[in-house]
PDB file of N, CA and C in Angstrom:
ATOM      1  N   MET A   1       0.844  -1.172   0.000  1.00  0.00           N
ATOM      2  CA  MET A   1       0.000   0.000   0.000  1.00  0.00           C
ATOM      3  C   MET A   1       0.890   1.236   0.000  1.00  0.00           C
ATOM      4  N   ILE A   2       0.542   2.183  -0.842  1.00  0.00           N
ATOM      5  CA  ILE A   2       1.297   3.434  -0.944  1.00  0.00           C
ATOM      6  C   ILE A   2       0.466   4.564  -0.349  1.00  0.00           C
ATOM      7  N   LEU A   3       1.030   5.237   0.640  1.00  0.00           N
ATOM      8  CA  LEU A   3       0.407   6.399   1.267  1.00  0.00           C
ATOM      9  C   LEU A   3       1.209   7.630   0.883  1.00  0.00           C
ATOM     10  N   ALA A   4       0.506   8.729   0.615  1.00  0.00           N
ATOM     11  CA  ALA A   4       1.188   9.972   0.258  1.00  0.00           C
ATOM     12  C   ALA A   4       0.512  11.131   0.971  1.00  0.00           C
ATOM     13  N   THR A   5       1.293  12.146   1.275  1.00  0.00           N
ATOM     14  CA  THR A   5       0.754  13.365   1.862  1.00  0.00           C
ATOM     15  C   THR A   5       1.365  14.553   1.133  1.00  0.00           C
ATOM     16  N   TRP A   6       0.575  15.621   0.991  1.00  0.00           N
ATOM     17  CA  TRP A   6       1.041  16.780   0.236  1.00  0.00           C
ATOM     18  C   TRP A   6       0.425  18.033   0.849  1.00  0.00           C
ATOM     19  N   ASN A   7       1.265  18.976   1.240  1.00  0.00           N
ATOM     20  CA  ASN A   7       0.807  20.280   1.694  1.00  0.00           C
ATOM     21  C   ASN A   7       0.730  21.155   0.446  1.00  0.00           C
ATOM     22  N   VAL A   8      -0.467  21.309  -0.102  1.00  0.00           N
ATOM     23  CA  VAL A   8      -0.614  21.978  -1.396  1.00  0.00           C
ATOM     24  C   VAL A   8      -0.608  23.498  -1.307  1.00  0.00           C
ATOM     25  N   ASN A   9      -0.907  24.062  -0.120  1.00  0.00           N
ATOM     26  CA  ASN A   9      -0.929  25.512   0.059  1.00  0.00           C
ATOM     27  C   ASN A   9      -1.743  26.192  -1.045  1.00  0.00           C
ATOM     28  N   SER A  10      -2.971  25.753  -1.224  1.00  0.00           N
ATOM     29  CA  SER A  10      -3.971  26.252  -2.171  1.00  0.00           C
ATOM     30  C   SER A  10      -4.157  25.252  -3.308  1.00  0.00           C
ATOM     31  N   LEU A  11      -5.178  24.454  -3.171  1.00  0.00           N
ATOM     32  CA  LEU A  11      -5.452  23.421  -4.168  1.00  0.00           C
ATOM     33  C   LEU A  11      -5.871  24.022  -5.501  1.00  0.00           C
ATOM     34  N   ASN A  12      -6.542  25.160  -5.487  1.00  0.00           N
ATOM     35  CA  ASN A  12      -6.936  25.791  -6.756  1.00  0.00           C
ATOM     36  C   ASN A  12      -5.730  26.067  -7.645  1.00  0.00           C
ATOM     37  N   VAL A  13      -4.647  26.484  -7.043  1.00  0.00           N
ATOM     38  CA  VAL A  13      -3.436  26.814  -7.796  1.00  0.00           C
ATOM     39  C   VAL A  13      -2.730  25.549  -8.282  1.00  0.00           C
ATOM     40  N   ARG A  14      -2.731  24.510  -7.465  1.00  0.00           N
ATOM     41  CA  ARG A  14      -1.927  23.321  -7.759  1.00  0.00           C
ATOM     42  C   ARG A  14      -2.713  22.110  -8.249  1.00  0.00           C
ATOM     43  N   LEU A  15      -4.008  22.254  -8.469  1.00  0.00           N
ATOM     44  CA  LEU A  15      -4.822  21.107  -8.875  1.00  0.00           C
ATOM     45  C   LEU A  15      -4.260  20.371 -10.091  1.00  0.00           C
ATOM     46  N   PRO A  16      -3.872  21.053 -11.161  1.00  0.00           N
ATOM     47  CA  PRO A  16      -3.318  20.308 -12.305  1.00  0.00           C
ATOM     48  C   PRO A  16      -2.080  19.485 -11.936  1.00  0.00           C
ATOM     49  N   HIS A  17      -1.232  20.029 -11.076  1.00  0.00           N
ATOM     50  CA  HIS A  17      -0.023  19.314 -10.651  1.00  0.00           C
ATOM     51  C   HIS A  17      -0.382  18.087  -9.812  1.00  0.00           C
ATOM     52  N   VAL A  18      -1.348  18.265  -8.911  1.00  0.00           N
ATOM     53  CA  VAL A  18      -1.769  17.152  -8.056  1.00  0.00           C
ATOM     54  C   VAL A  18      -2.371  16.034  -8.908  1.00  0.00           C
ATOM     55  N   LEU A  19      -3.224  16.384  -9.851  1.00  0.00           N
ATOM     56  CA  LEU A  19      -3.856  15.367 -10.699  1.00  0.00           C
ATOM     57  C   LEU A  19      -2.830  14.647 -11.570  1.00  0.00           C
ATOM     58  N   ASP A  20      -1.889  15.382 -12.121  1.00  0.00           N
ATOM     59  CA  ASP A  20      -0.824  14.752 -12.915  1.00  0.00           C
ATOM     60  C   ASP A  20       0.001  13.796 -12.054  1.00  0.00           C
ATOM     61  N   TRP A  21       0.307  14.234 -10.845  1.00  0.00           N
ATOM     62  CA  TRP A  21       1.087  13.402  -9.941  1.00  0.00           C
ATOM     63  C   TRP A  21       0.325  12.128  -9.589  1.00  0.00           C
ATOM     64  N   LEU A  22      -0.978  12.261  -9.343  1.00  0.00           N
ATOM     65  CA  LEU A  22      -1.792  11.087  -9.027  1.00  0.00           C
ATOM     66  C   LEU A  22      -1.821  10.098 -10.188  1.00  0.00           C
ATOM     67  N   LYS A  23      -1.940  10.609 -11.405  1.00  0.00           N
ATOM     68  CA  LYS A  23      -1.954   9.729 -12.582  1.00  0.00           C
ATOM     69  C   LYS A  23      -0.644   8.962 -12.709  1.00  0.00           C
ATOM     70  N   THR A  24       0.456   9.628 -12.424  1.00  0.00           N
ATOM     71  CA  THR A  24       1.773   9.017 -12.562  1.00  0.00           C
ATOM     72  C   THR A  24       2.086   8.037 -11.438  1.00  0.00           C
ATOM     73  N   ASN A  25       1.776   8.423 -10.203  1.00  0.00           N
ATOM     74  CA  ASN A  25       2.212   7.648  -9.038  1.00  0.00           C
ATOM     75  C   ASN A  25       1.157   6.709  -8.470  1.00  0.00           C
ATOM     76  N   GLN A  26      -0.096   7.003  -8.668  1.00  0.00           N
ATOM     77  CA  GLN A  26      -1.226   6.176  -8.242  1.00  0.00           C
ATOM     78  C   GLN A  26      -1.126   5.655  -6.802  1.00  0.00           C
ATOM     79  N   PRO A  27      -1.008   6.561  -5.823  1.00  0.00           N
ATOM     80  CA  PRO A  27      -0.990   6.086  -4.436  1.00  0.00           C
ATOM     81  C   PRO A  27      -2.366   5.542  -4.051  1.00  0.00           C
ATOM     82  N   ASP A  28      -2.385   4.658  -3.068  1.00  0.00           N
ATOM     83  CA  ASP A  28      -3.651   4.123  -2.574  1.00  0.00           C
ATOM     84  C   ASP A  28      -4.403   5.171  -1.756  1.00  0.00           C
ATOM     85  N   VAL A  29      -3.652   5.985  -1.023  1.00  0.00           N
ATOM     86  CA  VAL A  29      -4.233   7.023  -0.169  1.00  0.00           C
ATOM     87  C   VAL A  29      -3.444   8.306  -0.376  1.00  0.00           C
ATOM     88  N   LEU A  30      -4.155   9.415  -0.549  1.00  0.00           N
ATOM     89  CA  LEU A  30      -3.523  10.732  -0.617  1.00  0.00           C
ATOM     90  C   LEU A  30      -4.160  11.625   0.432  1.00  0.00           C
ATOM     91  N   ALA A  31      -3.343  12.181   1.313  1.00  0.00           N
ATOM     92  CA  ALA A  31      -3.804  13.149   2.304  1.00  0.00           C
ATOM     93  C   ALA A  31      -3.281  14.512   1.870  1.00  0.00           C
ATOM     94  N   ILE A  32      -4.185  15.455   1.668  1.00  0.00           N
ATOM     95  CA  ILE A  32      -3.755  16.792   1.262  1.00  0.00           C
ATOM     96  C   ILE A  32      -4.102  17.792   2.352  1.00  0.00           C
ATOM     97  N   GLN A  33      -3.155  18.673   2.635  1.00  0.00           N
ATOM     98  CA  GLN A  33      -3.327  19.691   3.660  1.00  0.00           C
ATOM     99  C   GLN A  33      -3.306  21.074   3.027  1.00  0.00           C
ATOM    100  N   GLU A  34      -3.869  22.014   3.767  1.00  0.00           N
ATOM    101  CA  GLU A  34      -3.897  23.428   3.396  1.00  0.00           C
ATOM    102  C   GLU A  34      -4.472  23.650   1.999  1.00  0.00           C
ATOM    103  N   THR A  35      -5.634  23.048   1.749  1.00  0.00           N
ATOM    104  CA  THR A  35      -6.289  23.232   0.457  1.00  0.00           C
ATOM    105  C   THR A  35      -6.812  24.656   0.303  1.00  0.00           C
ATOM    106  N   LYS A  36      -7.104  25.291   1.425  1.00  0.00           N
ATOM    107  CA  LYS A  36      -7.656  26.650   1.456  1.00  0.00           C
ATOM    108  C   LYS A  36      -8.983  26.734   0.699  1.00  0.00           C
ATOM    109  N   LEU A  37      -9.762  25.648   0.786  1.00  0.00           N
ATOM    110  CA  LEU A  37     -11.078  25.584   0.157  1.00  0.00           C
ATOM    111  C   LEU A  37     -12.119  25.227   1.204  1.00  0.00           C
ATOM    112  N   ILE A  38     -13.327  25.751   1.030  1.00  0.00           N
ATOM    113  CA  ILE A  38     -14.433  25.270   1.841  1.00  0.00           C
ATOM    114  C   ILE A  38     -14.926  23.973   1.201  1.00  0.00           C
ATOM    115  N   ASP A  39     -15.589  23.146   1.978  1.00  0.00           N
ATOM    116  CA  ASP A  39     -16.012  21.827   1.496  1.00  0.00           C
ATOM    117  C   ASP A  39     -16.791  21.896   0.187  1.00  0.00           C
ATOM    118  N   GLU A  40     -17.656  22.881   0.060  1.00  0.00           N
ATOM    119  CA  GLU A  40     -18.499  22.999  -1.130  1.00  0.00           C
ATOM    120  C   GLU A  40     -17.692  23.291  -2.399  1.00  0.00           C
ATOM    121  N   LYS A  41     -16.506  23.828  -2.254  1.00  0.00           N
ATOM    122  CA  LYS A  41     -15.672  24.190  -3.407  1.00  0.00           C
ATOM    123  C   LYS A  41     -14.608  23.139  -3.738  1.00  0.00           C
ATOM    124  N   PHE A  42     -14.535  22.068  -2.933  1.00  0.00           N
ATOM    125  CA  PHE A  42     -13.528  21.036  -3.187  1.00  0.00           C
ATOM    126  C   PHE A  42     -13.844  20.337  -4.510  1.00  0.00           C
ATOM    127  N   PRO A  43     -12.862  20.163  -5.394  1.00  0.00           N
ATOM    128  CA  PRO A  43     -13.100  19.575  -6.723  1.00  0.00           C
ATOM    129  C   PRO A  43     -13.236  18.049  -6.683  1.00  0.00           C
ATOM    130  N   LYS A  44     -14.316  17.583  -6.060  1.00  0.00           N
ATOM    131  CA  LYS A  44     -14.535  16.141  -5.889  1.00  0.00           C
ATOM    132  C   LYS A  44     -14.550  15.401  -7.221  1.00  0.00           C
ATOM    133  N   ALA A  45     -15.164  15.979  -8.227  1.00  0.00           N
ATOM    134  CA  ALA A  45     -15.291  15.303  -9.529  1.00  0.00           C
ATOM    135  C   ALA A  45     -13.927  15.024 -10.157  1.00  0.00           C
ATOM    136  N   ALA A  46     -13.003  15.951 -10.012  1.00  0.00           N
ATOM    137  CA  ALA A  46     -11.666  15.769 -10.597  1.00  0.00           C
ATOM    138  C   ALA A  46     -10.960  14.568  -9.974  1.00  0.00           C
ATOM    139  N   PHE A  47     -11.125  14.389  -8.665  1.00  0.00           N
ATOM    140  CA  PHE A  47     -10.509  13.249  -7.990  1.00  0.00           C
ATOM    141  C   PHE A  47     -11.274  11.965  -8.281  1.00  0.00           C
ATOM    142  N   ALA A  48     -12.583  12.055  -8.378  1.00  0.00           N
ATOM    143  CA  ALA A  48     -13.406  10.877  -8.668  1.00  0.00           C
ATOM    144  C   ALA A  48     -13.082  10.298 -10.042  1.00  0.00           C
ATOM    145  N   GLU A  49     -12.773  11.151 -11.000  1.00  0.00           N
ATOM    146  CA  GLU A  49     -12.413  10.682 -12.344  1.00  0.00           C
ATOM    147  C   GLU A  49     -11.175   9.786 -12.321  1.00  0.00           C
ATOM    148  N   LEU A  50     -10.337   9.989 -11.316  1.00  0.00           N
ATOM    149  CA  LEU A  50      -9.120   9.182 -11.185  1.00  0.00           C
ATOM    150  C   LEU A  50      -9.314   8.004 -10.233  1.00  0.00           C
ATOM    151  N   GLY A  51     -10.536   7.851  -9.730  1.00  0.00           N
ATOM    152  CA  GLY A  51     -10.832   6.730  -8.844  1.00  0.00           C
ATOM    153  C   GLY A  51     -10.666   7.017  -7.368  1.00  0.00           C
ATOM    154  N   TYR A  52     -10.531   8.286  -7.003  1.00  0.00           N
ATOM    155  CA  TYR A  52     -10.386   8.666  -5.599  1.00  0.00           C
ATOM    156  C   TYR A  52     -11.704   9.240  -5.098  1.00  0.00           C
ATOM    157  N   LEU A  53     -12.027   8.937  -3.852  1.00  0.00           N
ATOM    158  CA  LEU A  53     -13.274   9.426  -3.259  1.00  0.00           C
ATOM    159  C   LEU A  53     -13.037  10.654  -2.428  1.00  0.00           C
TER     160      LEU A  53
END
């Protein structure tokens, strides 16, 4: 099992990088900190397309 953590310091700015990294590395679990987003603005669909909930 591969676990990963990333302090993104604003997910809006780094979303393309995070998604590219997920496609390449395919960790089983990704914990992201400092998204600076409220729950309603979290890009759930972008992660769901890659198989993450």
